[in-house]
């Protein structure tokens, strides 16, 4: 009991804490040791990261080029050199069975070697980077730059070359049977998806680069082709068609029908068309006297005055009507087409002739005939051809076109003609008198003088300076109907004179005057050794004369024209050489 008390009495109040001091000191030493290790490891980590910052992690490849473990500058050089061809040479792209080349430079596709290496190097404390250096990284994506506008344009251009047009189904007829061609889908480039694919993989994708496509359906599908074949083509070619018209029957064989048939696209469907004109020809081959021609209304002179003879309608087959009737028969049952004739009105109707105002004699002119009976026959023939000619308002009349050709086949005879002032034999002699008579009839009707030429020397049977000659192919008498009415011509020979009349409605008042002769030249004698020369005695002298025509319309002058002509003297012609002076 005393011992215990002694122990208690000798203990310091702080002795209770003395036992805890030793563990604290040991923990501090542990923490310090750990901290030291951490510091050492951290320093080593930072140092390693710093040391490897400019080095590409081991095992790295870019677009198949190994740059693992290379310094950044070396890696950039390696990539630039190894990928030079890939980044500059054309890229072959395909769509279906088609292929084209695409220039990456033009397409705005650029490889950035510096940015690619920068993404793999550089100082960082991320553990992953050190891990990559220790254990390797593998294939890495290249960094590329894309100019979208240029890429879109290049893809659009490539799309044109890669396009495969669809093929429409079609049906043709050959050897009397229908034959169908299958429809085929086309291929078009999916430009949006293709541009995206190239943007991502143009440098790494295997060559050639397969681009995404879209199917393009044909307008005429196989289903529509099969329908038209079954519903149109085969029924059409299944047998002949009988055409009934005006009590006659024309059987059209299958070959005739199919030869006139066409299966054609209209929108997304195939339609059947028959050539009506071709079918009409075939019907006419198999019938007799089926059609009649229309006869125009015309003018005839009865007791010297014009009378309208009414026209008559003709008949024809309307090609559209025939085509529709044959089509319906060929696609239906029975295979018989009932066709009716279509009336055809004459081109010139009675009403149209009445509206021309051919109601009165507007002008007439006549000239005396000579004693040459053959010459008179030629004028009679010319008068026959002139009579009944209708010149409508605004039209131009040509005498040569009306009475030509001047040949024996056209009813003319050999007589004498004037060539270069010399009388020579020739067919159609005397027709110049028709020229003069026609010119004056038109002159006094007030028509426009388009072309005329007086004779080389003057004949007393013609008005001085107001006459005209003709020579086929060279000299003509032409005038234009400048009135609002028709001009109907009549010509005839009577009482040893030739007449030309113009019938219509009087429009102009015509006044004419002639000057006195001037520059008079007496005839002389000339000698000619030309083949066919005809001697002639001296005739009228040469002279110059002027004619003036004034046109009045409702009392007002609307035209005043003068024309002057100089005649040569009508020399005596002696056929043969000129005699020598004694």
Protein backbone atom coordinates (compact mmCIF):
# COMPACT_ATOMS: atom_id res chain seq x y z
CA UNK A 1 0.00 0.00 0.00
CA UNK A 2 2.85 2.40 0.76
CA UNK A 3 4.59 1.49 -2.49
CA UNK A 4 1.64 2.49 -4.58
CA UNK A 5 1.29 5.74 -2.96
CA UNK A 6 4.98 6.52 -3.49
CA UNK A 7 4.60 5.95 -7.22
CA UNK A 8 1.64 8.18 -7.40
CA UNK A 9 3.26 10.87 -5.39
CA UNK A 10 6.37 11.03 -7.67
CA UNK A 11 4.46 11.31 -11.04
CA UNK A 12 4.52 14.72 -12.98
CA UNK A 13 1.20 16.02 -14.13
CA UNK A 14 2.42 16.12 -17.75
CA UNK A 15 3.66 12.58 -17.57
CA UNK A 16 0.37 11.50 -19.06
CA UNK A 17 1.35 12.97 -22.43
CA UNK A 18 4.83 11.68 -22.55
CA UNK A 19 3.89 8.33 -24.07
CA UNK A 20 2.22 9.98 -27.25
CA UNK A 21 5.23 11.99 -28.40
CA UNK A 22 7.17 9.15 -29.94
CA UNK A 23 4.44 8.02 -32.50
CA UNK A 24 4.03 11.57 -33.79
CA UNK A 25 7.64 11.86 -34.63
CA UNK A 26 7.56 8.61 -36.56
CA UNK A 27 4.48 9.74 -38.68
CA UNK A 28 6.17 12.98 -39.63
CA UNK A 29 9.14 11.13 -40.87
CA UNK A 30 6.88 8.89 -43.04
CA UNK A 31 5.08 11.87 -44.54
CA UNK A 32 8.31 13.52 -45.31
CA UNK A 33 9.63 10.44 -46.97
CA UNK A 34 6.50 10.09 -49.10
CA UNK A 35 6.63 13.74 -50.06
CA UNK A 36 10.21 13.37 -51.05
CA UNK A 37 9.34 10.41 -53.24
CA UNK A 38 6.48 12.30 -54.83
CA UNK A 39 8.69 15.23 -55.54
CA UNK A 40 11.28 13.00 -57.08
CA UNK A 41 8.68 11.18 -59.21
CA UNK A 42 7.00 14.44 -60.22
CA UNK A 43 10.30 15.91 -61.14
CA UNK A 44 11.05 12.82 -63.17
CA UNK A 45 7.58 12.97 -64.87
CA UNK A 46 7.93 16.62 -65.72
CA UNK A 47 11.42 16.08 -66.89
CA UNK A 48 10.39 13.16 -69.07
CA UNK A 49 7.46 15.11 -70.49
CA UNK A 50 9.70 18.03 -71.24
CA UNK A 51 12.33 15.83 -72.77
CA UNK A 52 9.77 14.10 -75.03
CA UNK A 53 7.79 17.23 -75.94
CA UNK A 54 9.42 17.60 -79.38
CA UNK A 55 9.29 13.92 -80.22
CA UNK A 56 6.50 12.04 -81.96
CA UNK A 57 5.27 9.12 -79.83
CA UNK A 58 6.63 5.75 -80.87
CA UNK A 59 4.61 3.66 -83.36
CA UNK A 60 2.83 6.65 -84.93
CA UNK A 61 1.88 6.49 -88.63
CA UNK A 62 -0.01 9.13 -90.64
CA UNK A 63 -1.63 8.13 -93.91
CA UNK A 64 0.59 5.06 -93.85
CA UNK A 65 3.83 7.02 -93.27
CA UNK A 66 5.82 5.96 -90.15
CA UNK A 67 7.01 8.99 -88.13
CA UNK A 68 7.10 7.33 -84.67
CA UNK A 69 9.99 8.53 -82.48
CA UNK A 70 10.99 11.28 -84.92
CA UNK A 71 11.70 14.79 -83.87
CA UNK A 72 8.92 17.19 -84.89
CA UNK A 73 10.95 18.90 -87.59
CA UNK A 74 12.04 15.58 -89.04
CA UNK A 75 8.50 14.23 -88.90
CA UNK A 76 7.17 17.25 -90.83
CA UNK A 77 9.82 16.74 -93.49
CA UNK A 78 9.07 13.02 -93.67
CA UNK A 79 5.34 13.53 -94.11
CA UNK A 80 5.83 16.28 -96.67
CA UNK A 81 8.14 14.17 -98.79
CA UNK A 82 6.36 10.85 -98.46
CA UNK A 83 2.89 12.29 -99.14
CA UNK A 84 3.93 14.73 -101.87
CA UNK A 85 2.57 12.57 -104.68
CA UNK A 86 -0.62 11.71 -102.82
CA UNK A 87 -1.39 15.36 -102.09
CA UNK A 88 -0.70 16.71 -105.57
CA UNK A 89 -1.53 13.95 -108.07
CA UNK A 90 -5.13 13.58 -109.37
CA UNK A 91 -7.46 11.49 -107.29
CA UNK A 92 -9.29 8.82 -109.26
CA UNK A 93 -12.89 8.69 -108.08
CA UNK A 94 -15.52 6.20 -109.20
CA UNK A 95 -19.28 5.87 -109.20
CA UNK A 96 -20.64 2.60 -110.46
CA UNK A 97 -18.62 1.65 -113.53
CA UNK A 98 -17.52 5.19 -114.35
CA UNK A 99 -14.42 6.97 -113.14
CA UNK A 100 -12.91 10.43 -113.46
CA UNK A 101 -9.89 12.24 -112.03
CA UNK A 102 -10.17 15.03 -109.49
CA UNK A 103 -7.28 17.44 -108.92
CA UNK A 104 -6.89 17.96 -105.15
CA UNK A 105 -5.33 21.38 -105.65
CA UNK A 106 -8.22 22.59 -107.80
CA UNK A 107 -10.64 20.99 -105.34
CA UNK A 108 -9.17 23.03 -102.48
CA UNK A 109 -7.79 19.99 -100.60
CA UNK A 110 -4.49 20.70 -98.78
CA UNK A 111 -2.42 18.54 -96.35
CA UNK A 112 -1.07 20.47 -93.34
CA UNK A 113 2.02 18.51 -92.19
CA UNK A 114 2.94 21.07 -89.52
CA UNK A 115 -0.49 20.96 -87.89
CA UNK A 116 -0.47 17.15 -88.06
CA UNK A 117 2.85 16.92 -86.17
CA UNK A 118 1.87 19.72 -83.78
CA UNK A 119 -1.10 17.64 -82.69
CA UNK A 120 1.29 14.78 -81.76
CA UNK A 121 4.02 16.78 -80.01
CA UNK A 122 4.45 19.66 -77.59
CA UNK A 123 4.85 19.88 -73.82
CA UNK A 124 1.92 18.66 -71.75
CA UNK A 125 1.50 17.11 -68.28
CA UNK A 126 -1.32 14.86 -69.44
CA UNK A 127 -0.45 11.29 -68.44
CA UNK A 128 -1.77 10.00 -71.71
CA UNK A 129 1.01 11.68 -73.65
CA UNK A 130 3.75 9.99 -71.57
CA UNK A 131 1.86 6.73 -71.84
CA UNK A 132 1.86 7.12 -75.62
CA UNK A 133 5.60 7.62 -75.62
CA UNK A 134 6.12 4.56 -73.44
CA UNK A 135 3.71 2.15 -75.09
CA UNK A 136 3.18 3.56 -78.61
CA UNK A 137 0.21 5.22 -80.37
CA UNK A 138 -0.45 3.77 -83.86
CA UNK A 139 -2.19 5.33 -86.91
CA UNK A 140 -3.20 9.00 -86.51
CA UNK A 141 -5.42 11.18 -88.77
CA UNK A 142 -3.75 13.79 -90.97
CA UNK A 143 -4.75 17.42 -90.59
CA UNK A 144 -6.11 18.78 -93.90
CA UNK A 145 -7.49 22.12 -95.01
CA UNK A 146 -10.57 22.24 -97.22
CA UNK A 147 -11.88 25.13 -99.28
CA UNK A 148 -15.55 24.15 -99.39
CA UNK A 149 -16.57 26.23 -102.39
CA UNK A 150 -13.77 24.78 -104.53
CA UNK A 151 -14.52 21.25 -103.32
CA UNK A 152 -18.23 21.57 -104.09
CA UNK A 153 -17.44 22.86 -107.58
CA UNK A 154 -14.97 20.03 -108.24
CA UNK A 155 -17.46 17.42 -107.04
CA UNK A 156 -20.17 18.92 -109.26
CA UNK A 157 -17.82 18.72 -112.25
CA UNK A 158 -16.92 15.14 -111.41
CA UNK A 159 -20.62 14.36 -111.10
CA UNK A 160 -21.14 15.23 -114.76
CA UNK A 161 -18.51 12.73 -115.81
CA UNK A 162 -19.77 10.04 -113.45
CA UNK A 163 -23.41 10.40 -114.41
CA UNK A 164 -25.01 7.41 -116.04
CA UNK A 165 -28.27 8.39 -117.62
CA UNK A 166 -31.23 6.14 -117.08
CA UNK A 167 -32.59 4.29 -120.09
CA UNK A 168 -36.29 4.57 -120.77
CA UNK A 169 -38.19 1.52 -121.78
CA UNK A 170 -39.25 1.66 -125.40
CA UNK A 171 -41.26 -0.29 -127.95
CA UNK A 172 -40.66 -0.47 -131.70
CA UNK A 173 -42.32 -2.32 -134.53
CA UNK A 174 -40.30 -4.45 -136.93
CA UNK A 175 -41.43 -7.08 -139.40
CA UNK A 176 -45.01 -6.54 -138.29
CA UNK A 177 -44.28 -7.35 -134.63
CA UNK A 178 -43.73 -5.31 -131.46
CA UNK A 179 -40.35 -5.41 -129.74
CA UNK A 180 -39.65 -3.94 -126.28
CA UNK A 181 -36.35 -2.65 -124.86
CA UNK A 182 -35.93 -2.90 -121.08
CA UNK A 183 -35.80 0.16 -118.86
CA UNK A 184 -32.60 0.72 -116.87
CA UNK A 185 -31.90 2.81 -113.79
CA UNK A 186 -29.27 5.51 -114.00
CA UNK A 187 -26.65 6.62 -111.49
CA UNK A 188 -26.05 10.15 -110.23
CA UNK A 189 -23.41 11.31 -107.79
CA UNK A 190 -24.64 12.16 -104.29
CA UNK A 191 -22.72 15.41 -104.35
CA UNK A 192 -23.30 16.40 -100.75
CA UNK A 193 -22.22 13.02 -99.35
CA UNK A 194 -19.35 12.78 -101.83
CA UNK A 195 -17.97 16.15 -100.78
CA UNK A 196 -18.15 15.13 -97.12
CA UNK A 197 -16.41 11.82 -97.83
CA UNK A 198 -13.60 13.52 -99.71
CA UNK A 199 -13.24 16.15 -97.02
CA UNK A 200 -12.65 13.45 -94.41
CA UNK A 201 -10.79 10.75 -96.31
CA UNK A 202 -9.27 12.16 -99.50
CA UNK A 203 -5.74 11.60 -98.19
CA UNK A 204 -6.23 8.20 -96.57
CA UNK A 205 -8.93 6.43 -98.56
CA UNK A 206 -7.81 3.58 -100.87
CA UNK A 207 -7.54 4.51 -104.52
CA UNK A 208 -9.74 4.75 -106.49
CA UNK A 209 -12.11 6.49 -104.12
CA UNK A 210 -15.62 5.07 -104.39
CA UNK A 211 -18.08 7.96 -104.07
CA UNK A 212 -21.65 7.61 -102.85
CA UNK A 213 -24.36 7.64 -105.54
CA UNK A 214 -28.08 8.02 -105.96
CA UNK A 215 -30.25 5.87 -108.17
CA UNK A 216 -31.99 7.73 -111.00
CA UNK A 217 -35.19 6.15 -112.16
CA UNK A 218 -36.06 6.23 -115.88
CA UNK A 219 -39.02 8.31 -116.94
CA UNK A 220 -40.51 5.32 -118.72
CA UNK A 221 -40.26 2.49 -116.22
CA UNK A 222 -40.24 -1.22 -116.94
CA UNK A 223 -43.74 -1.42 -115.50
CA UNK A 224 -45.00 1.19 -117.97
CA UNK A 225 -43.17 -0.54 -120.83
CA UNK A 226 -44.84 -3.83 -119.98
CA UNK A 227 -48.24 -2.11 -119.82
CA UNK A 228 -47.88 -0.46 -123.23
CA UNK A 229 -46.64 -3.69 -124.77
CA UNK A 230 -49.63 -5.63 -123.46
CA UNK A 231 -52.34 -3.00 -123.99
CA UNK A 232 -51.20 -1.16 -127.13
CA UNK A 233 -48.43 -2.75 -129.17
CA UNK A 234 -49.43 -6.40 -129.19
CA UNK A 235 -53.14 -5.77 -129.86
CA UNK A 236 -52.24 -3.41 -132.72
CA UNK A 237 -50.06 -6.08 -134.36
CA UNK A 238 -52.51 -8.92 -133.78
CA UNK A 239 -54.22 -8.80 -137.18
CA UNK A 240 -55.38 -6.73 -140.19
CA UNK A 241 -57.90 -3.89 -139.99
CA UNK A 242 -60.71 -3.39 -142.48
CA UNK A 243 -61.51 0.23 -143.44
CA UNK A 244 -65.01 0.88 -144.77
CA UNK A 245 -65.50 4.13 -146.71
CA UNK A 246 -68.14 5.12 -149.24
CA UNK A 247 -69.22 1.51 -149.70
CA UNK A 248 -65.69 0.31 -150.43
CA UNK A 249 -63.57 -1.84 -148.11
CA UNK A 250 -59.81 -1.51 -147.84
CA UNK A 251 -58.08 -4.21 -145.78
CA UNK A 252 -54.89 -2.96 -144.17
CA UNK A 253 -52.45 -5.81 -143.41
CA UNK A 254 -50.57 -5.97 -140.10
CA UNK A 255 -47.35 -4.81 -141.77
CA UNK A 256 -49.07 -1.70 -143.14
CA UNK A 257 -50.56 -0.83 -139.76
CA UNK A 258 -47.35 -1.33 -137.79
CA UNK A 259 -45.34 0.58 -140.40
CA UNK A 260 -47.55 3.58 -139.70
CA UNK A 261 -47.41 3.10 -135.90
CA UNK A 262 -45.16 4.72 -133.32
CA UNK A 263 -45.07 4.13 -129.57
CA UNK A 264 -43.85 7.41 -128.11
CA UNK A 265 -43.33 8.80 -124.59
CA UNK A 266 -45.67 11.42 -123.21
CA UNK A 267 -44.73 12.37 -119.69
CA UNK A 268 -44.13 9.08 -117.85
CA UNK A 269 -46.36 7.04 -120.12
CA UNK A 270 -46.11 5.44 -123.55
CA UNK A 271 -48.73 6.37 -126.11
CA UNK A 272 -49.66 5.01 -129.52
CA UNK A 273 -49.70 7.23 -132.60
CA UNK A 274 -50.60 6.29 -136.17
CA UNK A 275 -49.43 8.24 -139.21
CA UNK A 276 -52.77 9.29 -140.72
CA UNK A 277 -51.32 10.48 -144.01
CA UNK A 278 -49.54 7.16 -144.51
CA UNK A 279 -52.75 5.28 -143.77
CA UNK A 280 -54.68 7.49 -146.22
CA UNK A 281 -52.18 6.59 -148.95
CA UNK A 282 -52.63 2.91 -148.20
CA UNK A 283 -56.44 3.21 -148.26
CA UNK A 284 -56.34 5.02 -151.62
CA UNK A 285 -54.18 2.21 -153.05
CA UNK A 286 -56.92 -0.26 -152.13
CA UNK A 287 -59.95 1.75 -153.37
CA UNK A 288 -61.13 3.20 -156.69
CA UNK A 289 -62.06 6.81 -157.53
CA UNK A 290 -62.67 7.54 -153.88
CA UNK A 291 -61.77 11.25 -153.81
CA UNK A 292 -62.70 14.25 -155.95
CA UNK A 293 -60.84 17.51 -156.48
CA UNK A 294 -62.34 20.85 -155.57
CA UNK A 295 -62.78 23.33 -158.44
CA UNK A 296 -62.09 26.98 -157.77
CA UNK A 297 -64.57 29.67 -158.54
CA UNK A 298 -63.39 31.56 -161.61
CA UNK A 299 -64.19 34.35 -164.00
CA UNK A 300 -65.38 33.66 -167.53
CA UNK A 301 -66.19 36.25 -170.15
CA UNK A 302 -69.72 35.89 -171.48
CA UNK A 303 -70.63 38.23 -174.33
CA UNK A 304 -67.55 40.30 -173.53
CA UNK A 305 -68.30 40.76 -169.82
CA UNK A 306 -66.88 38.90 -166.81
CA UNK A 307 -69.12 36.41 -165.04
CA UNK A 308 -68.31 34.39 -161.92
CA UNK A 309 -68.55 30.63 -162.31
CA UNK A 310 -69.07 29.13 -158.87
CA UNK A 311 -66.56 26.63 -157.55
CA UNK A 312 -67.42 23.12 -156.40
CA UNK A 313 -66.32 21.32 -153.25
CA UNK A 314 -64.16 18.25 -153.42
CA UNK A 315 -63.69 15.38 -151.00
CA UNK A 316 -60.75 13.95 -149.12
CA UNK A 317 -59.81 11.68 -146.25
CA UNK A 318 -58.86 13.53 -143.07
CA UNK A 319 -55.61 11.91 -141.78
CA UNK A 320 -56.49 12.53 -138.13
CA UNK A 321 -59.93 10.97 -138.55
CA UNK A 322 -58.46 7.96 -140.36
CA UNK A 323 -55.71 7.48 -137.74
CA UNK A 324 -58.18 7.58 -134.85
CA UNK A 325 -60.64 5.22 -136.55
CA UNK A 326 -57.93 2.66 -137.40
CA UNK A 327 -56.44 2.92 -133.90
CA UNK A 328 -59.76 2.27 -132.21
CA UNK A 329 -60.47 -0.66 -134.50
CA UNK A 330 -57.00 -2.19 -134.00
CA UNK A 331 -57.33 -2.01 -130.22
CA UNK A 332 -60.93 -3.19 -130.12
CA UNK A 333 -63.28 -5.71 -131.65
CA UNK A 334 -64.34 -6.13 -134.37
CA UNK A 335 -61.27 -4.83 -136.20
CA UNK A 336 -63.28 -2.68 -138.61
CA UNK A 337 -62.93 1.10 -139.00
CA UNK A 338 -65.77 3.13 -140.48
CA UNK A 339 -64.37 6.23 -142.19
CA UNK A 340 -66.25 9.13 -143.82
CA UNK A 341 -65.05 11.52 -146.49
CA UNK A 342 -64.33 15.12 -145.57
CA UNK A 343 -65.54 17.90 -147.91
CA UNK A 344 -62.87 20.22 -149.31
CA UNK A 345 -63.77 23.80 -150.14
CA UNK A 346 -62.16 25.35 -153.21
CA UNK A 347 -59.24 27.69 -152.59
CA UNK A 348 -60.95 30.43 -154.58
CA UNK A 349 -64.54 30.96 -153.49
CA UNK A 350 -67.33 32.85 -155.16
CA UNK A 351 -67.47 35.24 -152.22
CA UNK A 352 -63.79 36.04 -152.51
CA UNK A 353 -64.15 36.84 -156.20
CA UNK A 354 -67.20 39.02 -155.55
CA UNK A 355 -65.21 41.01 -152.97
CA UNK A 356 -62.59 41.90 -155.60
CA UNK A 357 -64.97 44.38 -157.20
CA UNK A 358 -64.73 43.20 -160.82
CA UNK A 359 -67.74 45.22 -161.95
CA UNK A 360 -66.75 47.53 -164.83
CA UNK A 361 -64.33 48.19 -167.64
CA UNK A 362 -61.53 50.26 -166.09
CA UNK A 363 -59.36 50.76 -169.17
CA UNK A 364 -58.88 49.43 -172.70
CA UNK A 365 -56.29 49.94 -175.40
CA UNK A 366 -55.88 48.66 -178.92
CA UNK A 367 -53.29 48.81 -181.69
CA UNK A 368 -53.58 47.99 -185.42
CA UNK A 369 -52.25 44.76 -186.87
CA UNK A 370 -49.91 44.43 -189.83
CA UNK A 371 -50.47 42.35 -192.96
CA UNK A 372 -48.24 39.55 -191.61
CA UNK A 373 -50.68 36.68 -190.97
CA UNK A 374 -48.14 34.62 -188.98
CA UNK A 375 -47.48 37.61 -186.75
CA UNK A 376 -51.24 37.88 -186.17
CA UNK A 377 -51.41 34.20 -185.20
CA UNK A 378 -48.81 34.82 -182.49
CA UNK A 379 -50.83 37.75 -181.15
CA UNK A 380 -54.01 35.65 -181.13
CA UNK A 381 -52.19 32.99 -179.08
CA UNK A 382 -50.82 35.63 -176.68
CA UNK A 383 -54.33 37.09 -176.28
CA UNK A 384 -55.69 33.66 -175.34
CA UNK A 385 -53.13 33.34 -172.55
CA UNK A 386 -53.75 36.85 -171.22
CA UNK A 387 -57.54 36.51 -171.11
CA UNK A 388 -58.81 35.51 -167.68
CA UNK A 389 -55.64 36.44 -165.76
CA UNK A 390 -56.57 37.91 -162.39
CA UNK A 391 -54.18 40.33 -160.69
CA UNK A 392 -55.22 40.87 -157.10
CA UNK A 393 -54.50 44.06 -155.11
CA UNK A 394 -50.77 44.38 -154.43
CA UNK A 395 -49.77 41.73 -156.97
CA UNK A 396 -47.36 42.33 -159.88
CA UNK A 397 -48.19 41.20 -163.40
CA UNK A 398 -45.49 39.89 -165.77
CA UNK A 399 -46.27 39.60 -169.48
CA UNK A 400 -43.42 37.17 -170.12
CA UNK A 401 -44.59 34.89 -167.32
CA UNK A 402 -48.14 35.03 -168.65
CA UNK A 403 -47.60 34.29 -172.32
CA UNK A 404 -44.34 32.33 -172.10
CA UNK A 405 -42.57 30.21 -172.93
CA UNK A 406 -42.26 31.53 -176.47
CA UNK A 407 -42.00 28.15 -178.15
CA UNK A 408 -43.70 26.18 -180.87
CA UNK A 409 -44.95 23.78 -178.19
CA UNK A 410 -46.81 26.68 -176.60
CA UNK A 411 -48.55 27.56 -179.84
CA UNK A 412 -46.26 30.17 -181.41
CA UNK A 413 -44.96 30.47 -184.98
CA UNK A 414 -41.83 31.72 -186.75
CA UNK A 415 -42.01 35.32 -187.88
CA UNK A 416 -39.72 38.35 -187.70
CA UNK A 417 -38.33 40.00 -184.57
CA UNK A 418 -36.25 43.12 -184.00
CA UNK A 419 -32.84 42.45 -182.43
CA UNK A 420 -30.56 45.41 -181.82
CA UNK A 421 -32.53 47.47 -184.28
CA UNK A 422 -32.31 44.86 -187.06
CA UNK A 423 -35.25 42.78 -188.28
CA UNK A 424 -34.44 39.08 -188.04
CA UNK A 425 -36.45 35.84 -188.29
CA UNK A 426 -37.51 34.41 -184.95
CA UNK A 427 -40.28 32.48 -183.22
CA UNK A 428 -43.04 34.53 -181.62
CA UNK A 429 -42.54 37.55 -183.86
CA UNK A 430 -45.09 40.30 -183.27
CA UNK A 431 -45.52 39.73 -179.54
CA UNK A 432 -43.95 43.10 -178.83
CA UNK A 433 -47.25 44.54 -180.04
CA UNK A 434 -48.88 42.72 -177.13
CA UNK A 435 -46.28 44.43 -174.92
CA UNK A 436 -47.28 47.88 -176.17
CA UNK A 437 -51.01 47.20 -175.96
CA UNK A 438 -50.69 45.73 -172.45
CA UNK A 439 -48.50 48.58 -171.25
CA UNK A 440 -51.02 51.20 -172.35
CA UNK A 441 -53.98 49.35 -170.83
CA UNK A 442 -52.17 49.29 -167.48
CA UNK A 443 -51.02 52.89 -168.00
CA UNK A 444 -54.59 54.16 -168.31
CA UNK A 445 -55.77 51.99 -165.39
CA UNK A 446 -53.33 53.93 -163.19
CA UNK A 447 -51.23 50.92 -162.23
CA UNK A 448 -47.61 51.28 -161.12
CA UNK A 449 -45.07 50.85 -163.92
CA UNK A 450 -42.60 48.24 -162.66
CA UNK A 451 -40.74 47.48 -165.89
CA UNK A 452 -41.04 48.45 -169.55
CA UNK A 453 -38.77 49.45 -172.39
CA UNK A 454 -39.78 51.07 -175.69
CA UNK A 455 -38.51 49.83 -179.05
CA UNK A 456 -35.16 50.93 -180.44
CA UNK A 457 -36.93 52.83 -183.20
CA UNK A 458 -40.48 54.03 -183.52
CA UNK A 459 -43.28 52.29 -185.38
CA UNK A 460 -46.11 54.53 -186.46
CA UNK A 461 -48.75 52.11 -185.21
CA UNK A 462 -47.66 52.82 -181.60
CA UNK A 463 -47.94 55.99 -179.46
CA UNK A 464 -44.69 57.95 -179.51
CA UNK A 465 -42.61 57.09 -176.43
CA UNK A 466 -45.54 55.28 -174.79
CA UNK A 467 -44.97 51.77 -176.05
CA UNK A 468 -43.05 48.67 -175.00
CA UNK A 469 -41.22 45.69 -176.42
CA UNK A 470 -40.54 42.30 -174.87
CA UNK A 471 -37.79 39.72 -175.23
CA UNK A 472 -38.06 36.49 -173.29
CA UNK A 473 -35.55 36.32 -170.44
CA UNK A 474 -34.35 39.91 -170.94
CA UNK A 475 -37.07 42.52 -171.46
CA UNK A 476 -40.51 42.35 -169.84
CA UNK A 477 -43.64 44.39 -169.29
CA UNK A 478 -44.47 44.43 -165.58
CA UNK A 479 -46.95 46.46 -163.60
CA UNK A 480 -48.32 46.38 -160.06
CA UNK A 481 -51.99 46.60 -159.14
CA UNK A 482 -51.94 49.52 -156.69
CA UNK A 483 -55.71 49.74 -156.32
CA UNK A 484 -57.86 48.07 -153.65
CA UNK A 485 -59.70 46.12 -156.35
CA UNK A 486 -58.90 43.13 -158.50
CA UNK A 487 -57.82 43.53 -162.11
CA UNK A 488 -59.21 40.99 -164.58
CA UNK A 489 -57.60 40.97 -168.03
CA UNK A 490 -59.15 40.27 -171.39
CA UNK A 491 -57.40 40.36 -174.76
CA UNK A 492 -58.63 39.56 -178.24
CA UNK A 493 -58.08 40.28 -181.92
CA UNK A 494 -60.95 41.91 -183.80
CA UNK A 495 -61.33 44.06 -186.89
CA UNK A 496 -57.62 43.92 -187.63
CA UNK A 497 -56.69 45.26 -184.20
CA UNK A 498 -55.53 43.69 -180.92
CA UNK A 499 -57.25 44.79 -177.73
CA UNK A 500 -56.32 44.54 -174.05
CA UNK A 501 -59.00 45.31 -171.45
CA UNK A 502 -58.70 45.78 -167.70
CA UNK A 503 -61.85 45.00 -165.71
CA UNK A 504 -62.36 45.96 -162.08
CA UNK A 505 -63.49 49.14 -160.35
CA UNK A 506 -62.22 52.53 -161.46
CA UNK A 507 -59.97 53.98 -158.79
CA UNK A 508 -57.71 56.60 -160.38
CA UNK A 509 -58.44 59.39 -162.82
CA UNK A 510 -55.62 59.34 -165.37
CA UNK A 511 -54.35 62.36 -167.30
CA UNK A 512 -51.56 62.09 -169.86
CA UNK A 513 -49.61 64.45 -172.09
CA UNK A 514 -46.83 64.17 -174.66
CA UNK A 515 -44.12 66.67 -175.56
CA UNK A 516 -43.16 67.67 -179.06
CA UNK A 517 -40.35 65.77 -180.76
CA UNK A 518 -36.78 66.97 -180.27
CA UNK A 519 -33.29 65.90 -181.39
CA UNK A 520 -34.60 64.65 -184.71
CA UNK A 521 -32.17 62.47 -186.73
CA UNK A 522 -32.83 61.47 -190.34
CA UNK A 523 -32.37 57.80 -191.33
CA UNK A 524 -29.37 56.65 -193.37
CA UNK A 525 -28.35 53.44 -195.10
CA UNK A 526 -26.54 50.64 -193.30
CA UNK A 527 -24.96 47.48 -194.65
CA UNK A 528 -25.14 44.16 -192.83
CA UNK A 529 -23.53 40.79 -193.46
CA UNK A 530 -25.09 39.19 -190.38
CA UNK A 531 -26.60 35.73 -190.81
CA UNK A 532 -30.35 35.92 -191.37
CA UNK A 533 -30.21 39.58 -192.35
CA UNK A 534 -33.44 40.97 -193.85
CA UNK A 535 -33.28 44.03 -196.04
CA UNK A 536 -35.51 46.96 -195.20
CA UNK A 537 -36.14 50.37 -196.60
CA UNK A 538 -35.59 53.57 -194.70
CA UNK A 539 -38.37 54.46 -192.27
CA UNK A 540 -39.08 56.96 -189.51
CA UNK A 541 -36.44 59.39 -188.28
CA UNK A 542 -34.95 59.19 -184.82
CA UNK A 543 -36.17 61.63 -182.16
CA UNK A 544 -36.67 62.19 -178.43
CA UNK A 545 -40.05 62.51 -176.74
CA UNK A 546 -41.37 62.79 -173.16
CA UNK A 547 -44.65 61.46 -171.80
CA UNK A 548 -46.15 62.57 -168.48
CA UNK A 549 -48.87 60.80 -166.49
CA UNK A 550 -50.83 62.39 -163.64
CA UNK A 551 -52.97 60.29 -161.28
CA UNK A 552 -55.87 61.87 -159.43
CA UNK A 553 -57.74 60.25 -156.55
CA UNK A 554 -60.99 61.92 -155.55
CA UNK A 555 -59.81 65.03 -157.38
CA UNK A 556 -56.45 65.21 -155.60
CA UNK A 557 -53.17 64.61 -157.44
CA UNK A 558 -51.39 61.59 -155.98
CA UNK A 559 -48.72 61.01 -158.62
CA UNK A 560 -46.99 62.79 -161.49
CA UNK A 561 -44.33 60.96 -163.45
CA UNK A 562 -42.53 61.67 -166.69
CA UNK A 563 -40.38 59.39 -168.79
CA UNK A 564 -38.29 60.30 -171.80
CA UNK A 565 -37.21 58.03 -174.62
CA UNK A 566 -34.90 58.53 -177.58
CA UNK A 567 -35.53 56.59 -180.78
CA UNK A 568 -32.88 55.70 -183.33
CA UNK A 569 -33.62 56.53 -186.95
CA UNK A 570 -35.05 53.59 -188.90
CA UNK A 571 -32.16 53.23 -191.33
CA UNK A 572 -32.35 51.42 -194.61
CA UNK A 573 -30.72 47.98 -194.28
CA UNK A 574 -28.83 46.50 -197.19
CA UNK A 575 -27.74 42.91 -196.71
CA UNK A 576 -24.22 42.53 -198.01
CA UNK A 577 -20.95 44.40 -198.01
CA UNK A 578 -20.81 48.11 -198.48
CA UNK A 579 -19.90 48.90 -202.11
CA UNK A 580 -16.53 50.41 -202.75
CA UNK A 581 -16.39 54.00 -203.84
CA UNK A 582 -15.72 54.42 -207.55
